[in-house]
Amino acid sequence: MTAKILTMGELIRTLRHRAKLSQTDLAKVVGVHFSSISRWERDQLIEEMRIKHLRRIATATSVSFSDLLDACRFYEVYSNPISPVLASNSQN
């Protein structure tokens, strides 16, 4: 069985569902409008997400901040084709 790599939006949605929170509930905890949660879950405007938002998402969904941050870094490396990590590997 192959593991699926989740997008950042899919990860947020999965964590929110697992915590049994609505988008509105999570938005209140994170301190944003529910439309921001909706956009993030659709991988739109992810660049507007701040560290404070990630910390609050981690707390609200009972995930350690470091685990969530690691998932974010993993997502960034594998979703960004111009990533320095990928660029240096492609030259070999």
Protein backbone atom coordinates (compact mmCIF):
# COMPACT_ATOMS: atom_id res chain seq x y z
CA MET A 1 0.00 0.00 0.00
CA THR A 2 1.42 3.37 -1.02
CA ALA A 3 1.07 6.37 1.27
CA LYS A 4 -0.51 9.43 -0.30
CA ILE A 5 1.31 12.72 0.10
CA LEU A 6 -1.28 15.24 1.23
CA THR A 7 -1.26 18.82 0.08
CA MET A 8 -1.15 21.41 2.83
CA GLY A 9 -4.87 22.03 2.34
CA GLU A 10 -5.69 18.33 2.55
CA LEU A 11 -3.65 18.07 5.74
CA ILE A 12 -5.49 20.97 7.36
CA ARG A 13 -8.87 19.55 6.32
CA THR A 14 -7.94 16.07 7.58
CA LEU A 15 -6.75 17.40 10.95
CA ARG A 16 -9.88 19.56 11.28
CA HIS A 17 -12.19 16.63 10.53
CA ARG A 18 -10.28 14.40 12.94
CA ALA A 19 -10.74 17.05 15.65
CA LYS A 20 -14.46 17.26 14.74
CA LEU A 21 -14.27 21.00 14.11
CA SER A 22 -16.20 22.98 11.54
CA GLN A 23 -14.37 25.55 9.43
CA THR A 24 -16.06 28.24 11.55
CA ASP A 25 -14.91 26.62 14.80
CA LEU A 26 -11.31 26.34 13.59
CA ALA A 27 -11.39 29.89 12.25
CA LYS A 28 -12.41 31.23 15.67
CA VAL A 29 -9.53 29.41 17.35
CA VAL A 30 -7.02 30.45 14.68
CA GLY A 31 -8.24 34.06 14.64
CA VAL A 32 -9.20 34.28 10.96
CA HIS A 33 -12.40 34.43 8.94
CA PHE A 34 -13.85 31.02 8.06
CA SER A 35 -13.27 31.81 4.38
CA SER A 36 -9.52 31.74 5.08
CA ILE A 37 -9.81 28.19 6.41
CA SER A 38 -11.85 27.26 3.33
CA ARG A 39 -9.24 28.74 0.99
CA TRP A 40 -6.35 27.11 2.82
CA GLU A 41 -8.10 23.74 2.60
CA ARG A 42 -8.37 24.25 -1.17
CA ASP A 43 -4.65 25.16 -1.31
CA GLN A 44 -5.43 28.76 -2.11
CA LEU A 45 -3.63 31.63 -0.41
CA ILE A 46 -1.46 29.24 1.61
CA GLU A 47 1.24 31.92 1.46
CA GLU A 48 -0.96 34.12 3.69
CA MET A 49 -0.76 31.58 6.50
CA ARG A 50 1.56 32.65 9.30
CA ILE A 51 3.44 30.72 11.97
CA LYS A 52 0.92 31.91 14.57
CA HIS A 53 -1.86 30.32 12.46
CA LEU A 54 0.02 27.03 12.27
CA ARG A 55 0.57 27.06 16.04
CA ARG A 56 -3.15 27.60 16.63
CA ILE A 57 -4.13 24.91 14.10
CA ALA A 58 -1.77 22.49 15.84
CA THR A 59 -3.24 23.30 19.26
CA ALA A 60 -6.85 23.08 18.03
CA THR A 61 -6.26 19.72 16.34
CA SER A 62 -4.09 18.20 19.11
CA VAL A 63 -1.02 17.87 16.89
CA SER A 64 2.41 18.96 18.03
CA PHE A 65 3.55 22.17 16.40
CA SER A 66 6.85 20.57 15.38
CA ASP A 67 5.04 17.72 13.59
CA LEU A 68 2.82 20.20 11.74
CA LEU A 69 5.84 22.33 10.83
CA ASP A 70 7.69 19.24 9.55
CA ALA A 71 4.67 18.41 7.38
CA CYS A 72 4.70 21.98 6.05
CA ARG A 73 8.39 21.76 5.18
CA PHE A 74 7.87 18.39 3.50
CA TYR A 75 4.98 19.85 1.49
CA GLU A 76 7.06 22.87 0.44
CA VAL A 77 10.01 20.79 -0.73
CA TYR A 78 7.93 18.36 -2.78
CA SER A 79 5.37 20.80 -4.16
CA ASN A 80 7.72 23.56 -5.26
CA PRO A 81 9.55 22.59 -8.47
CA ILE A 82 12.08 25.39 -8.04
CA SER A 83 12.99 24.32 -4.55
CA PRO A 84 16.77 24.53 -4.00
CA VAL A 85 16.72 20.95 -2.68
CA LEU A 86 15.12 19.64 -5.87
CA ALA A 87 17.24 21.89 -8.10
CA SER A 88 20.49 20.60 -6.58
CA ASN A 89 19.31 16.97 -6.87
CA SER A 90 18.33 17.36 -10.53
CA GLN A 91 21.85 18.47 -11.47
CA ASN A 92 23.32 15.13 -10.40
